[in-house]
Every structure is written in C-alpha cells, then in structure tokens.
Amino acid sequence: KNRSYQYLTNAYNFIYQKEFQQAEKQ
C-alpha cells in the first residue's frame, strides 16, 4: 500500500517534469 502511494507520488513529480513516459511506468 505504501509502495503504491510512493509510485503515485513519483508519477505526480514526473508529470510536472513533463516526463510522461516515466510517469506512466510509475
């Protein structure tokens, strides 16, 4: 559960960095 929220948080960060491919992986 905590790991999945960690990946979600990483996705938020990648979206603002405009790294959509990385966001999708997370």
mmCIF file of all heavy atoms, coordinates in Angstrom:
data_MODEL
# 
_entry.id   MODEL 
# 
loop_
_atom_site.group_PDB 
_atom_site.id 
_atom_site.type_symbol 
_atom_site.label_atom_id 
_atom_site.label_alt_id 
_atom_site.label_comp_id 
_atom_site.label_asym_id 
_atom_site.label_entity_id 
_atom_site.label_seq_id 
_atom_site.pdbx_PDB_ins_code 
_atom_site.Cartn_x 
_atom_site.Cartn_y 
_atom_site.Cartn_z 
_atom_site.occupancy 
_atom_site.B_iso_or_equiv 
_atom_site.pdbx_formal_charge 
_atom_site.auth_seq_id 
_atom_site.auth_comp_id 
_atom_site.auth_asym_id 
_atom_site.auth_atom_id 
_atom_site.pdbx_PDB_model_num 
ATOM 1   N N   . LYS A 1 1  ? 0.830  -1.201 0.000   1.00 0.00 ? 1  LYS A N   1 
ATOM 2   C CA  . LYS A 1 1  ? 0.000  0.000  0.000   1.00 0.00 ? 1  LYS A CA  1 
ATOM 3   C C   . LYS A 1 1  ? 0.869  1.257  0.000   1.00 0.00 ? 1  LYS A C   1 
ATOM 4   O O   . LYS A 1 1  ? 0.679  2.171  -0.818  1.00 0.00 ? 1  LYS A O   1 
ATOM 5   C CB  . LYS A 1 1  ? -0.934 0.003  1.214   1.00 0.00 ? 1  LYS A CB  1 
ATOM 6   C CG  . LYS A 1 1  ? -1.881 1.196  1.251   1.00 0.00 ? 1  LYS A CG  1 
ATOM 7   C CD  . LYS A 1 1  ? -2.839 1.101  2.423   1.00 0.00 ? 1  LYS A CD  1 
ATOM 8   C CE  . LYS A 1 1  ? -3.798 2.282  2.451   1.00 0.00 ? 1  LYS A CE  1 
ATOM 9   N NZ  . LYS A 1 1  ? -4.752 2.197  3.589   1.00 0.00 ? 1  LYS A NZ  1 
ATOM 10  N N   . ASN A 1 2  ? 1.828  1.313  0.907   1.00 0.00 ? 2  ASN A N   1 
ATOM 11  C CA  . ASN A 1 2  ? 2.715  2.485  0.965   1.00 0.00 ? 2  ASN A CA  1 
ATOM 12  C C   . ASN A 1 2  ? 3.591  2.577  -0.271  1.00 0.00 ? 2  ASN A C   1 
ATOM 13  O O   . ASN A 1 2  ? 3.889  3.668  -0.747  1.00 0.00 ? 2  ASN A O   1 
ATOM 14  C CB  . ASN A 1 2  ? 3.572  2.427  2.232   1.00 0.00 ? 2  ASN A CB  1 
ATOM 15  C CG  . ASN A 1 2  ? 2.850  3.008  3.444   1.00 0.00 ? 2  ASN A CG  1 
ATOM 16  O OD1 . ASN A 1 2  ? 2.484  4.176  3.469   1.00 0.00 ? 2  ASN A OD1 1 
ATOM 17  N ND2 . ASN A 1 2  ? 2.641  2.169  4.442   1.00 0.00 ? 2  ASN A ND2 1 
ATOM 18  N N   . ARG A 1 3  ? 4.003  1.419  -0.796  1.00 0.00 ? 3  ARG A N   1 
ATOM 19  C CA  . ARG A 1 3  ? 4.841  1.448  -2.015  1.00 0.00 ? 3  ARG A CA  1 
ATOM 20  C C   . ARG A 1 3  ? 4.046  1.968  -3.210  1.00 0.00 ? 3  ARG A C   1 
ATOM 21  O O   . ARG A 1 3  ? 4.566  2.737  -4.027  1.00 0.00 ? 3  ARG A O   1 
ATOM 22  C CB  . ARG A 1 3  ? 5.365  0.038  -2.303  1.00 0.00 ? 3  ARG A CB  1 
ATOM 23  C CG  . ARG A 1 3  ? 6.352  -0.026 -3.456  1.00 0.00 ? 3  ARG A CG  1 
ATOM 24  C CD  . ARG A 1 3  ? 7.687  0.614  -3.091  1.00 0.00 ? 3  ARG A CD  1 
ATOM 25  N NE  . ARG A 1 3  ? 8.440  -0.223 -2.170  1.00 0.00 ? 3  ARG A NE  1 
ATOM 26  C CZ  . ARG A 1 3  ? 9.594  0.150  -1.607  1.00 0.00 ? 3  ARG A CZ  1 
ATOM 27  N NH1 . ARG A 1 3  ? 10.103 1.349  -1.873  1.00 0.00 ? 3  ARG A NH1 1 
ATOM 28  N NH2 . ARG A 1 3  ? 10.222 -0.641 -0.764  1.00 0.00 ? 3  ARG A NH2 1 
ATOM 29  N N   . SER A 1 4  ? 2.767  1.581  -3.297  1.00 0.00 ? 4  SER A N   1 
ATOM 30  C CA  . SER A 1 4  ? 1.947  2.052  -4.418  1.00 0.00 ? 4  SER A CA  1 
ATOM 31  C C   . SER A 1 4  ? 1.736  3.563  -4.342  1.00 0.00 ? 4  SER A C   1 
ATOM 32  O O   . SER A 1 4  ? 1.760  4.261  -5.362  1.00 0.00 ? 4  SER A O   1 
ATOM 33  C CB  . SER A 1 4  ? 0.603  1.329  -4.439  1.00 0.00 ? 4  SER A CB  1 
ATOM 34  O OG  . SER A 1 4  ? -0.167 1.641  -3.303  1.00 0.00 ? 4  SER A OG  1 
ATOM 35  N N   . TYR A 1 5  ? 1.571  4.092  -3.123  1.00 0.00 ? 5  TYR A N   1 
ATOM 36  C CA  . TYR A 1 5  ? 1.452  5.545  -2.975  1.00 0.00 ? 5  TYR A CA  1 
ATOM 37  C C   . TYR A 1 5  ? 2.771  6.261  -3.287  1.00 0.00 ? 5  TYR A C   1 
ATOM 38  O O   . TYR A 1 5  ? 2.779  7.387  -3.778  1.00 0.00 ? 5  TYR A O   1 
ATOM 39  C CB  . TYR A 1 5  ? 0.974  5.892  -1.567  1.00 0.00 ? 5  TYR A CB  1 
ATOM 40  C CG  . TYR A 1 5  ? -0.524 5.794  -1.404  1.00 0.00 ? 5  TYR A CG  1 
ATOM 41  C CD1 . TYR A 1 5  ? -1.100 4.910  -0.482  1.00 0.00 ? 5  TYR A CD1 1 
ATOM 42  C CD2 . TYR A 1 5  ? -1.389 6.583  -2.168  1.00 0.00 ? 5  TYR A CD2 1 
ATOM 43  C CE1 . TYR A 1 5  ? -2.469 4.811  -0.341  1.00 0.00 ? 5  TYR A CE1 1 
ATOM 44  C CE2 . TYR A 1 5  ? -2.762 6.485  -2.028  1.00 0.00 ? 5  TYR A CE2 1 
ATOM 45  C CZ  . TYR A 1 5  ? -3.300 5.605  -1.120  1.00 0.00 ? 5  TYR A CZ  1 
ATOM 46  O OH  . TYR A 1 5  ? -4.670 5.510  -0.980  1.00 0.00 ? 5  TYR A OH  1 
ATOM 47  N N   . GLN A 1 6  ? 3.864  5.586  -3.008  1.00 0.00 ? 6  GLN A N   1 
ATOM 48  C CA  . GLN A 1 6  ? 5.165  6.159  -3.377  1.00 0.00 ? 6  GLN A CA  1 
ATOM 49  C C   . GLN A 1 6  ? 5.281  6.296  -4.889  1.00 0.00 ? 6  GLN A C   1 
ATOM 50  O O   . GLN A 1 6  ? 5.703  7.336  -5.399  1.00 0.00 ? 6  GLN A O   1 
ATOM 51  C CB  . GLN A 1 6  ? 6.294  5.267  -2.841  1.00 0.00 ? 6  GLN A CB  1 
ATOM 52  C CG  . GLN A 1 6  ? 7.701  5.775  -3.232  1.00 0.00 ? 6  GLN A CG  1 
ATOM 53  C CD  . GLN A 1 6  ? 8.791  4.802  -2.851  1.00 0.00 ? 6  GLN A CD  1 
ATOM 54  O OE1 . GLN A 1 6  ? 8.536  3.807  -2.148  1.00 0.00 ? 6  GLN A OE1 1 
ATOM 55  N NE2 . GLN A 1 6  ? 10.009 5.044  -3.303  1.00 0.00 ? 6  GLN A NE2 1 
ATOM 56  N N   . TYR A 1 7  ? 4.896  5.239  -5.616  1.00 0.00 ? 7  TYR A N   1 
ATOM 57  C CA  . TYR A 1 7  ? 4.938  5.300  -7.080  1.00 0.00 ? 7  TYR A CA  1 
ATOM 58  C C   . TYR A 1 7  ? 3.998  6.383  -7.617  1.00 0.00 ? 7  TYR A C   1 
ATOM 59  O O   . TYR A 1 7  ? 4.322  7.075  -8.594  1.00 0.00 ? 7  TYR A O   1 
ATOM 60  C CB  . TYR A 1 7  ? 4.557  3.941  -7.675  1.00 0.00 ? 7  TYR A CB  1 
ATOM 61  C CG  . TYR A 1 7  ? 5.581  2.847  -7.434  1.00 0.00 ? 7  TYR A CG  1 
ATOM 62  C CD1 . TYR A 1 7  ? 5.185  1.519  -7.285  1.00 0.00 ? 7  TYR A CD1 1 
ATOM 63  C CD2 . TYR A 1 7  ? 6.937  3.145  -7.371  1.00 0.00 ? 7  TYR A CD2 1 
ATOM 64  C CE1 . TYR A 1 7  ? 6.113  0.504  -7.076  1.00 0.00 ? 7  TYR A CE1 1 
ATOM 65  C CE2 . TYR A 1 7  ? 7.875  2.129  -7.159  1.00 0.00 ? 7  TYR A CE2 1 
ATOM 66  C CZ  . TYR A 1 7  ? 7.454  0.833  -7.011  1.00 0.00 ? 7  TYR A CZ  1 
ATOM 67  O OH  . TYR A 1 7  ? 8.391  -0.164 -6.803  1.00 0.00 ? 7  TYR A OH  1 
ATOM 68  N N   . LEU A 1 8  ? 2.858  6.530  -6.995  1.00 0.00 ? 8  LEU A N   1 
ATOM 69  C CA  . LEU A 1 8  ? 1.912  7.574  -7.404  1.00 0.00 ? 8  LEU A CA  1 
ATOM 70  C C   . LEU A 1 8  ? 2.522  8.963  -7.213  1.00 0.00 ? 8  LEU A C   1 
ATOM 71  O O   . LEU A 1 8  ? 2.394  9.841  -8.084  1.00 0.00 ? 8  LEU A O   1 
ATOM 72  C CB  . LEU A 1 8  ? 0.615  7.448  -6.600  1.00 0.00 ? 8  LEU A CB  1 
ATOM 73  C CG  . LEU A 1 8  ? -0.468 8.494  -6.871  1.00 0.00 ? 8  LEU A CG  1 
ATOM 74  C CD1 . LEU A 1 8  ? -0.957 8.414  -8.317  1.00 0.00 ? 8  LEU A CD1 1 
ATOM 75  C CD2 . LEU A 1 8  ? -1.639 8.310  -5.908  1.00 0.00 ? 8  LEU A CD2 1 
ATOM 76  N N   . THR A 1 9  ? 3.205  9.151  -6.086  1.00 0.00 ? 9  THR A N   1 
ATOM 77  C CA  . THR A 1 9  ? 3.874  10.430 -5.815  1.00 0.00 ? 9  THR A CA  1 
ATOM 78  C C   . THR A 1 9  ? 4.952  10.709 -6.857  1.00 0.00 ? 9  THR A C   1 
ATOM 79  O O   . THR A 1 9  ? 5.097  11.841 -7.346  1.00 0.00 ? 9  THR A O   1 
ATOM 80  C CB  . THR A 1 9  ? 4.496  10.407 -4.400  1.00 0.00 ? 9  THR A CB  1 
ATOM 81  O OG1 . THR A 1 9  ? 3.463  10.179 -3.439  1.00 0.00 ? 9  THR A OG1 1 
ATOM 82  C CG2 . THR A 1 9  ? 5.185  11.715 -4.085  1.00 0.00 ? 9  THR A CG2 1 
ATOM 83  N N   . ASN A 1 10 ? 5.709  9.670  -7.214  1.00 0.00 ? 10 ASN A N   1 
ATOM 84  C CA  . ASN A 1 10 ? 6.720  9.824  -8.269  1.00 0.00 ? 10 ASN A CA  1 
ATOM 85  C C   . ASN A 1 10 ? 6.075  10.229 -9.589  1.00 0.00 ? 10 ASN A C   1 
ATOM 86  O O   . ASN A 1 10 ? 6.620  11.058 -10.338 1.00 0.00 ? 10 ASN A O   1 
ATOM 87  C CB  . ASN A 1 10 ? 7.492  8.518  -8.464  1.00 0.00 ? 10 ASN A CB  1 
ATOM 88  C CG  . ASN A 1 10 ? 8.520  8.285  -7.371  1.00 0.00 ? 10 ASN A CG  1 
ATOM 89  O OD1 . ASN A 1 10 ? 9.102  9.230  -6.850  1.00 0.00 ? 10 ASN A OD1 1 
ATOM 90  N ND2 . ASN A 1 10 ? 8.738  7.037  -7.006  1.00 0.00 ? 10 ASN A ND2 1 
ATOM 91  N N   . ALA A 1 11 ? 4.919  9.649  -9.880  1.00 0.00 ? 11 ALA A N   1 
ATOM 92  C CA  . ALA A 1 11 ? 4.215  9.984  -11.121 1.00 0.00 ? 11 ALA A CA  1 
ATOM 93  C C   . ALA A 1 11 ? 3.815  11.459 -11.135 1.00 0.00 ? 11 ALA A C   1 
ATOM 94  O O   . ALA A 1 11 ? 3.945  12.128 -12.168 1.00 0.00 ? 11 ALA A O   1 
ATOM 95  C CB  . ALA A 1 11 ? 2.976  9.094  -11.262 1.00 0.00 ? 11 ALA A CB  1 
ATOM 96  N N   . TYR A 1 12 ? 3.325  11.962 -10.007 1.00 0.00 ? 12 TYR A N   1 
ATOM 97  C CA  . TYR A 1 12 ? 2.999  13.388 -9.913  1.00 0.00 ? 12 TYR A CA  1 
ATOM 98  C C   . TYR A 1 12 ? 4.209  14.251 -10.278 1.00 0.00 ? 12 TYR A C   1 
ATOM 99  O O   . TYR A 1 12 ? 4.123  15.211 -11.047 1.00 0.00 ? 12 TYR A O   1 
ATOM 100 C CB  . TYR A 1 12 ? 2.544  13.749 -8.490  1.00 0.00 ? 12 TYR A CB  1 
ATOM 101 C CG  . TYR A 1 12 ? 1.194  13.195 -8.079  1.00 0.00 ? 12 TYR A CG  1 
ATOM 102 C CD1 . TYR A 1 12 ? 0.903  12.988 -6.729  1.00 0.00 ? 12 TYR A CD1 1 
ATOM 103 C CD2 . TYR A 1 12 ? 0.212  12.892 -9.019  1.00 0.00 ? 12 TYR A CD2 1 
ATOM 104 C CE1 . TYR A 1 12 ? -0.330 12.500 -6.329  1.00 0.00 ? 12 TYR A CE1 1 
ATOM 105 C CE2 . TYR A 1 12 ? -1.031 12.396 -8.625  1.00 0.00 ? 12 TYR A CE2 1 
ATOM 106 C CZ  . TYR A 1 12 ? -1.294 12.202 -7.277  1.00 0.00 ? 12 TYR A CZ  1 
ATOM 107 O OH  . TYR A 1 12 ? -2.519 11.717 -6.889  1.00 0.00 ? 12 TYR A OH  1 
ATOM 108 N N   . ASN A 1 13 ? 5.333  13.873 -9.708  1.00 0.00 ? 13 ASN A N   1 
ATOM 109 C CA  . ASN A 1 13 ? 6.551  14.644 -9.942  1.00 0.00 ? 13 ASN A CA  1 
ATOM 110 C C   . ASN A 1 13 ? 6.978  14.582 -11.414 1.00 0.00 ? 13 ASN A C   1 
ATOM 111 O O   . ASN A 1 13 ? 7.329  15.607 -12.015 1.00 0.00 ? 13 ASN A O   1 
ATOM 112 C CB  . ASN A 1 13 ? 7.668  14.111 -9.044  1.00 0.00 ? 13 ASN A CB  1 
ATOM 113 C CG  . ASN A 1 13 ? 8.952  14.914 -9.174  1.00 0.00 ? 13 ASN A CG  1 
ATOM 114 O OD1 . ASN A 1 13 ? 8.943  16.149 -9.147  1.00 0.00 ? 13 ASN A OD1 1 
ATOM 115 N ND2 . ASN A 1 13 ? 10.065 14.219 -9.329  1.00 0.00 ? 13 ASN A ND2 1 
ATOM 116 N N   . PHE A 1 14 ? 6.916  13.393 -12.011 1.00 0.00 ? 14 PHE A N   1 
ATOM 117 C CA  . PHE A 1 14 ? 7.307  13.254 -13.430 1.00 0.00 ? 14 PHE A CA  1 
ATOM 118 C C   . PHE A 1 14 ? 6.368  14.007 -14.362 1.00 0.00 ? 14 PHE A C   1 
ATOM 119 O O   . PHE A 1 14 ? 6.793  14.526 -15.403 1.00 0.00 ? 14 PHE A O   1 
ATOM 120 C CB  . PHE A 1 14 ? 7.368  11.774 -13.818 1.00 0.00 ? 14 PHE A CB  1 
ATOM 121 C CG  . PHE A 1 14 ? 8.602  11.069 -13.333 1.00 0.00 ? 14 PHE A CG  1 
ATOM 122 C CD1 . PHE A 1 14 ? 8.517  9.895  -12.586 1.00 0.00 ? 14 PHE A CD1 1 
ATOM 123 C CD2 . PHE A 1 14 ? 9.865  11.580 -13.629 1.00 0.00 ? 14 PHE A CD2 1 
ATOM 124 C CE1 . PHE A 1 14 ? 9.657  9.247  -12.151 1.00 0.00 ? 14 PHE A CE1 1 
ATOM 125 C CE2 . PHE A 1 14 ? 11.025 10.924 -13.194 1.00 0.00 ? 14 PHE A CE2 1 
ATOM 126 C CZ  . PHE A 1 14 ? 10.909 9.768  -12.447 1.00 0.00 ? 14 PHE A CZ  1 
ATOM 127 N N   . ILE A 1 15 ? 5.087  14.085 -13.976 1.00 0.00 ? 15 ILE A N   1 
ATOM 128 C CA  . ILE A 1 15 ? 4.143  14.832 -14.817 1.00 0.00 ? 15 ILE A CA  1 
ATOM 129 C C   . ILE A 1 15 ? 4.546  16.303 -14.893 1.00 0.00 ? 15 ILE A C   1 
ATOM 130 O O   . ILE A 1 15 ? 4.547  16.903 -15.979 1.00 0.00 ? 15 ILE A O   1 
ATOM 131 C CB  . ILE A 1 15 ? 2.709  14.685 -14.255 1.00 0.00 ? 15 ILE A CB  1 
ATOM 132 C CG1 . ILE A 1 15 ? 2.168  13.276 -14.528 1.00 0.00 ? 15 ILE A CG1 1 
ATOM 133 C CG2 . ILE A 1 15 ? 1.762  15.722 -14.868 1.00 0.00 ? 15 ILE A CG2 1 
ATOM 134 C CD1 . ILE A 1 15 ? 0.855  12.968 -13.831 1.00 0.00 ? 15 ILE A CD1 1 
ATOM 135 N N   . TYR A 1 16 ? 4.915  16.877 -13.751 1.00 0.00 ? 16 TYR A N   1 
ATOM 136 C CA  . TYR A 1 16 ? 5.328  18.288 -13.762 1.00 0.00 ? 16 TYR A CA  1 
ATOM 137 C C   . TYR A 1 16 ? 6.692  18.492 -14.427 1.00 0.00 ? 16 TYR A C   1 
ATOM 138 O O   . TYR A 1 16 ? 7.007  19.586 -14.884 1.00 0.00 ? 16 TYR A O   1 
ATOM 139 C CB  . TYR A 1 16 ? 5.338  18.852 -12.335 1.00 0.00 ? 16 TYR A CB  1 
ATOM 140 C CG  . TYR A 1 16 ? 3.989  19.376 -11.897 1.00 0.00 ? 16 TYR A CG  1 
ATOM 141 C CD1 . TYR A 1 16 ? 3.462  19.057 -10.646 1.00 0.00 ? 16 TYR A CD1 1 
ATOM 142 C CD2 . TYR A 1 16 ? 3.228  20.187 -12.729 1.00 0.00 ? 16 TYR A CD2 1 
ATOM 143 C CE1 . TYR A 1 16 ? 2.225  19.521 -10.250 1.00 0.00 ? 16 TYR A CE1 1 
ATOM 144 C CE2 . TYR A 1 16 ? 1.992  20.653 -12.350 1.00 0.00 ? 16 TYR A CE2 1 
ATOM 145 C CZ  . TYR A 1 16 ? 1.495  20.322 -11.106 1.00 0.00 ? 16 TYR A CZ  1 
ATOM 146 O OH  . TYR A 1 16 ? 0.269  20.801 -10.721 1.00 0.00 ? 16 TYR A OH  1 
ATOM 147 N N   . GLN A 1 17 ? 7.481  17.399 -14.451 1.00 0.00 ? 17 GLN A N   1 
ATOM 148 C CA  . GLN A 1 17 ? 8.758  17.475 -15.171 1.00 0.00 ? 17 GLN A CA  1 
ATOM 149 C C   . GLN A 1 17 ? 8.558  17.195 -16.661 1.00 0.00 ? 17 GLN A C   1 
ATOM 150 O O   . GLN A 1 17 ? 9.527  17.205 -17.430 1.00 0.00 ? 17 GLN A O   1 
ATOM 151 C CB  . GLN A 1 17 ? 9.743  16.452 -14.575 1.00 0.00 ? 17 GLN A CB  1 
ATOM 152 C CG  . GLN A 1 17 ? 10.017 16.604 -13.087 1.00 0.00 ? 17 GLN A CG  1 
ATOM 153 C CD  . GLN A 1 17 ? 10.659 17.910 -12.726 1.00 0.00 ? 17 GLN A CD  1 
ATOM 154 O OE1 . GLN A 1 17 ? 11.394 18.506 -13.540 1.00 0.00 ? 17 GLN A OE1 1 
ATOM 155 N NE2 . GLN A 1 17 ? 10.402 18.402 -11.510 1.00 0.00 ? 17 GLN A NE2 1 
ATOM 156 N N   . LYS A 1 18 ? 7.299  16.928 -17.056 1.00 0.00 ? 18 LYS A N   1 
ATOM 157 C CA  . LYS A 1 18 ? 6.920  16.614 -18.443 1.00 0.00 ? 18 LYS A CA  1 
ATOM 158 C C   . LYS A 1 18 ? 7.602  15.346 -18.947 1.00 0.00 ? 18 LYS A C   1 
ATOM 159 O O   . LYS A 1 18 ? 7.855  15.180 -20.140 1.00 0.00 ? 18 LYS A O   1 
ATOM 160 C CB  . LYS A 1 18 ? 7.223  17.784 -19.375 1.00 0.00 ? 18 LYS A CB  1 
ATOM 161 C CG  . LYS A 1 18 ? 6.418  19.032 -19.034 1.00 0.00 ? 18 LYS A CG  1 
ATOM 162 C CD  . LYS A 1 18 ? 6.687  20.165 -19.989 1.00 0.00 ? 18 LYS A CD  1 
ATOM 163 C CE  . LYS A 1 18 ? 5.861  21.390 -19.636 1.00 0.00 ? 18 LYS A CE  1 
ATOM 164 N NZ  . LYS A 1 18 ? 6.103  22.530 -20.549 1.00 0.00 ? 18 LYS A NZ  1 
ATOM 165 N N   . GLU A 1 19 ? 7.879  14.440 -17.995 1.00 0.00 ? 19 GLU A N   1 
ATOM 166 C CA  . GLU A 1 19 ? 8.445  13.140 -18.346 1.00 0.00 ? 19 GLU A CA  1 
ATOM 167 C C   . GLU A 1 19 ? 7.308  12.110 -18.255 1.00 0.00 ? 19 GLU A C   1 
ATOM 168 O O   . GLU A 1 19 ? 7.230  11.302 -17.330 1.00 0.00 ? 19 GLU A O   1 
ATOM 169 C CB  . GLU A 1 19 ? 9.600  12.777 -17.409 1.00 0.00 ? 19 GLU A CB  1 
ATOM 170 C CG  . GLU A 1 19 ? 10.773 13.746 -17.490 1.00 0.00 ? 19 GLU A CG  1 
ATOM 171 C CD  . GLU A 1 19 ? 11.926 13.345 -16.594 1.00 0.00 ? 19 GLU A CD  1 
ATOM 172 O OE1 . GLU A 1 19 ? 12.036 12.118 -16.285 1.00 0.00 ? 19 GLU A OE1 1 
ATOM 173 O OE2 . GLU A 1 19 ? 12.713 14.220 -16.186 1.00 0.00 ? 19 GLU A OE2 1 
ATOM 174 N N   . PHE A 1 20 ? 6.455  12.146 -19.259 1.00 0.00 ? 20 PHE A N   1 
ATOM 175 C CA  . PHE A 1 20 ? 5.225  11.367 -19.208 1.00 0.00 ? 20 PHE A CA  1 
ATOM 176 C C   . PHE A 1 20 ? 5.464  9.857  -19.293 1.00 0.00 ? 20 PHE A C   1 
ATOM 177 O O   . PHE A 1 20 ? 4.707  9.070  -18.729 1.00 0.00 ? 20 PHE A O   1 
ATOM 178 C CB  . PHE A 1 20 ? 4.272  11.827 -20.307 1.00 0.00 ? 20 PHE A CB  1 
ATOM 179 C CG  . PHE A 1 20 ? 3.906  13.278 -20.190 1.00 0.00 ? 20 PHE A CG  1 
ATOM 180 C CD1 . PHE A 1 20 ? 4.267  14.195 -21.173 1.00 0.00 ? 20 PHE A CD1 1 
ATOM 181 C CD2 . PHE A 1 20 ? 3.203  13.739 -19.084 1.00 0.00 ? 20 PHE A CD2 1 
ATOM 182 C CE1 . PHE A 1 20 ? 3.933  15.528 -21.056 1.00 0.00 ? 20 PHE A CE1 1 
ATOM 183 C CE2 . PHE A 1 20 ? 2.870  15.078 -18.959 1.00 0.00 ? 20 PHE A CE2 1 
ATOM 184 C CZ  . PHE A 1 20 ? 3.236  15.973 -19.939 1.00 0.00 ? 20 PHE A CZ  1 
ATOM 185 N N   . GLN A 1 21 ? 6.520  9.470  -19.990 1.00 0.00 ? 21 GLN A N   1 
ATOM 186 C CA  . GLN A 1 21 ? 6.832  8.050  -20.099 1.00 0.00 ? 21 GLN A CA  1 
ATOM 187 C C   . GLN A 1 21 ? 7.208  7.472  -18.731 1.00 0.00 ? 21 GLN A C   1 
ATOM 188 O O   . GLN A 1 21 ? 6.770  6.386  -18.343 1.00 0.00 ? 21 GLN A O   1 
ATOM 189 C CB  . GLN A 1 21 ? 7.975  7.828  -21.097 1.00 0.00 ? 21 GLN A CB  1 
ATOM 190 C CG  . GLN A 1 21 ? 8.171  6.378  -21.525 1.00 0.00 ? 21 GLN A CG  1 
ATOM 191 C CD  . GLN A 1 21 ? 6.975  5.837  -22.320 1.00 0.00 ? 21 GLN A CD  1 
ATOM 192 O OE1 . GLN A 1 21 ? 6.309  6.578  -23.061 1.00 0.00 ? 21 GLN A OE1 1 
ATOM 193 N NE2 . GLN A 1 21 ? 6.699  4.549  -22.161 1.00 0.00 ? 21 GLN A NE2 1 
ATOM 194 N N   . GLN A 1 22 ? 8.021  8.238  -17.971 1.00 0.00 ? 22 GLN A N   1 
ATOM 195 C CA  . GLN A 1 22 ? 8.412  7.821  -16.629 1.00 0.00 ? 22 GLN A CA  1 
ATOM 196 C C   . GLN A 1 22 ? 7.205  7.807  -15.683 1.00 0.00 ? 22 GLN A C   1 
ATOM 197 O O   . GLN A 1 22 ? 7.054  6.913  -14.847 1.00 0.00 ? 22 GLN A O   1 
ATOM 198 C CB  . GLN A 1 22 ? 9.496  8.756  -16.075 1.00 0.00 ? 22 GLN A CB  1 
ATOM 199 C CG  . GLN A 1 22 ? 10.845 8.630  -16.759 1.00 0.00 ? 22 GLN A CG  1 
ATOM 200 C CD  . GLN A 1 22 ? 11.460 7.256  -16.541 1.00 0.00 ? 22 GLN A CD  1 
ATOM 201 O OE1 . GLN A 1 22 ? 11.271 6.629  -15.511 1.00 0.00 ? 22 GLN A OE1 1 
ATOM 202 N NE2 . GLN A 1 22 ? 12.175 6.770  -17.550 1.00 0.00 ? 22 GLN A NE2 1 
ATOM 203 N N   . ALA A 1 23 ? 6.342  8.814  -15.863 1.00 0.00 ? 23 ALA A N   1 
ATOM 204 C CA  . ALA A 1 23 ? 5.135  8.877  -15.037 1.00 0.00 ? 23 ALA A CA  1 
ATOM 205 C C   . ALA A 1 23 ? 4.264  7.644  -15.265 1.00 0.00 ? 23 ALA A C   1 
ATOM 206 O O   . ALA A 1 23 ? 3.725  7.055  -14.316 1.00 0.00 ? 23 ALA A O   1 
ATOM 207 C CB  . ALA A 1 23 ? 4.352  10.147 -15.355 1.00 0.00 ? 23 ALA A CB  1 
ATOM 208 N N   . GLU A 1 24 ? 4.150  7.237  -16.529 1.00 0.00 ? 24 GLU A N   1 
ATOM 209 C CA  . GLU A 1 24 ? 3.332  6.075  -16.857 1.00 0.00 ? 24 GLU A CA  1 
ATOM 210 C C   . GLU A 1 24 ? 3.908  4.805  -16.242 1.00 0.00 ? 24 GLU A C   1 
ATOM 211 O O   . GLU A 1 24 ? 3.164  3.952  -15.733 1.00 0.00 ? 24 GLU A O   1 
ATOM 212 C CB  . GLU A 1 24 ? 3.237  5.924  -18.373 1.00 0.00 ? 24 GLU A CB  1 
ATOM 213 C CG  . GLU A 1 24 ? 2.272  4.835  -18.810 1.00 0.00 ? 24 GLU A CG  1 
ATOM 214 C CD  . GLU A 1 24 ? 2.066  4.823  -20.322 1.00 0.00 ? 24 GLU A CD  1 
ATOM 215 O OE1 . GLU A 1 24 ? 2.303  5.865  -20.981 1.00 0.00 ? 24 GLU A OE1 1 
ATOM 216 O OE2 . GLU A 1 24 ? 1.661  3.766  -20.841 1.00 0.00 ? 24 GLU A OE2 1 
ATOM 217 N N   . LYS A 1 25 ? 5.232  4.658  -16.251 1.00 0.00 ? 25 LYS A N   1 
ATOM 218 C CA  . LYS A 1 25 ? 5.875  3.487  -15.662 1.00 0.00 ? 25 LYS A CA  1 
ATOM 219 C C   . LYS A 1 25 ? 5.576  3.401  -14.155 1.00 0.00 ? 25 LYS A C   1 
ATOM 220 O O   . LYS A 1 25 ? 5.305  2.321  -13.617 1.00 0.00 ? 25 LYS A O   1 
ATOM 221 C CB  . LYS A 1 25 ? 7.391  3.532  -15.891 1.00 0.00 ? 25 LYS A CB  1 
ATOM 222 C CG  . LYS A 1 25 ? 7.816  3.229  -17.310 1.00 0.00 ? 25 LYS A CG  1 
ATOM 223 C CD  . LYS A 1 25 ? 9.340  3.251  -17.424 1.00 0.00 ? 25 LYS A CD  1 
ATOM 224 C CE  . LYS A 1 25 ? 9.779  2.936  -18.856 1.00 0.00 ? 25 LYS A CE  1 
ATOM 225 N NZ  . LYS A 1 25 ? 11.263 2.967  -18.983 1.00 0.00 ? 25 LYS A NZ  1 
ATOM 226 N N   . GLN A 1 26 ? 5.660  4.550  -13.495 1.00 0.00 ? 26 GLN A N   1 
ATOM 227 C CA  . GLN A 1 26 ? 5.391  4.585  -12.057 1.00 0.00 ? 26 GLN A CA  1 
ATOM 228 C C   . GLN A 1 26 ? 3.931  4.209  -11.757 1.00 0.00 ? 26 GLN A C   1 
ATOM 229 O O   . GLN A 1 26 ? 3.636  3.474  -10.814 1.00 0.00 ? 26 GLN A O   1 
ATOM 230 C CB  . GLN A 1 26 ? 5.690  5.984  -11.498 1.00 0.00 ? 26 GLN A CB  1 
ATOM 231 C CG  . GLN A 1 26 ? 7.163  6.380  -11.543 1.00 0.00 ? 26 GLN A CG  1 
ATOM 232 C CD  . GLN A 1 26 ? 8.021  5.548  -10.605 1.00 0.00 ? 26 GLN A CD  1 
ATOM 233 O OE1 . GLN A 1 26 ? 7.641  5.282  -9.478  1.00 0.00 ? 26 GLN A OE1 1 
ATOM 234 N NE2 . GLN A 1 26 ? 9.185  5.123  -11.089 1.00 0.00 ? 26 GLN A NE2 1 
# 
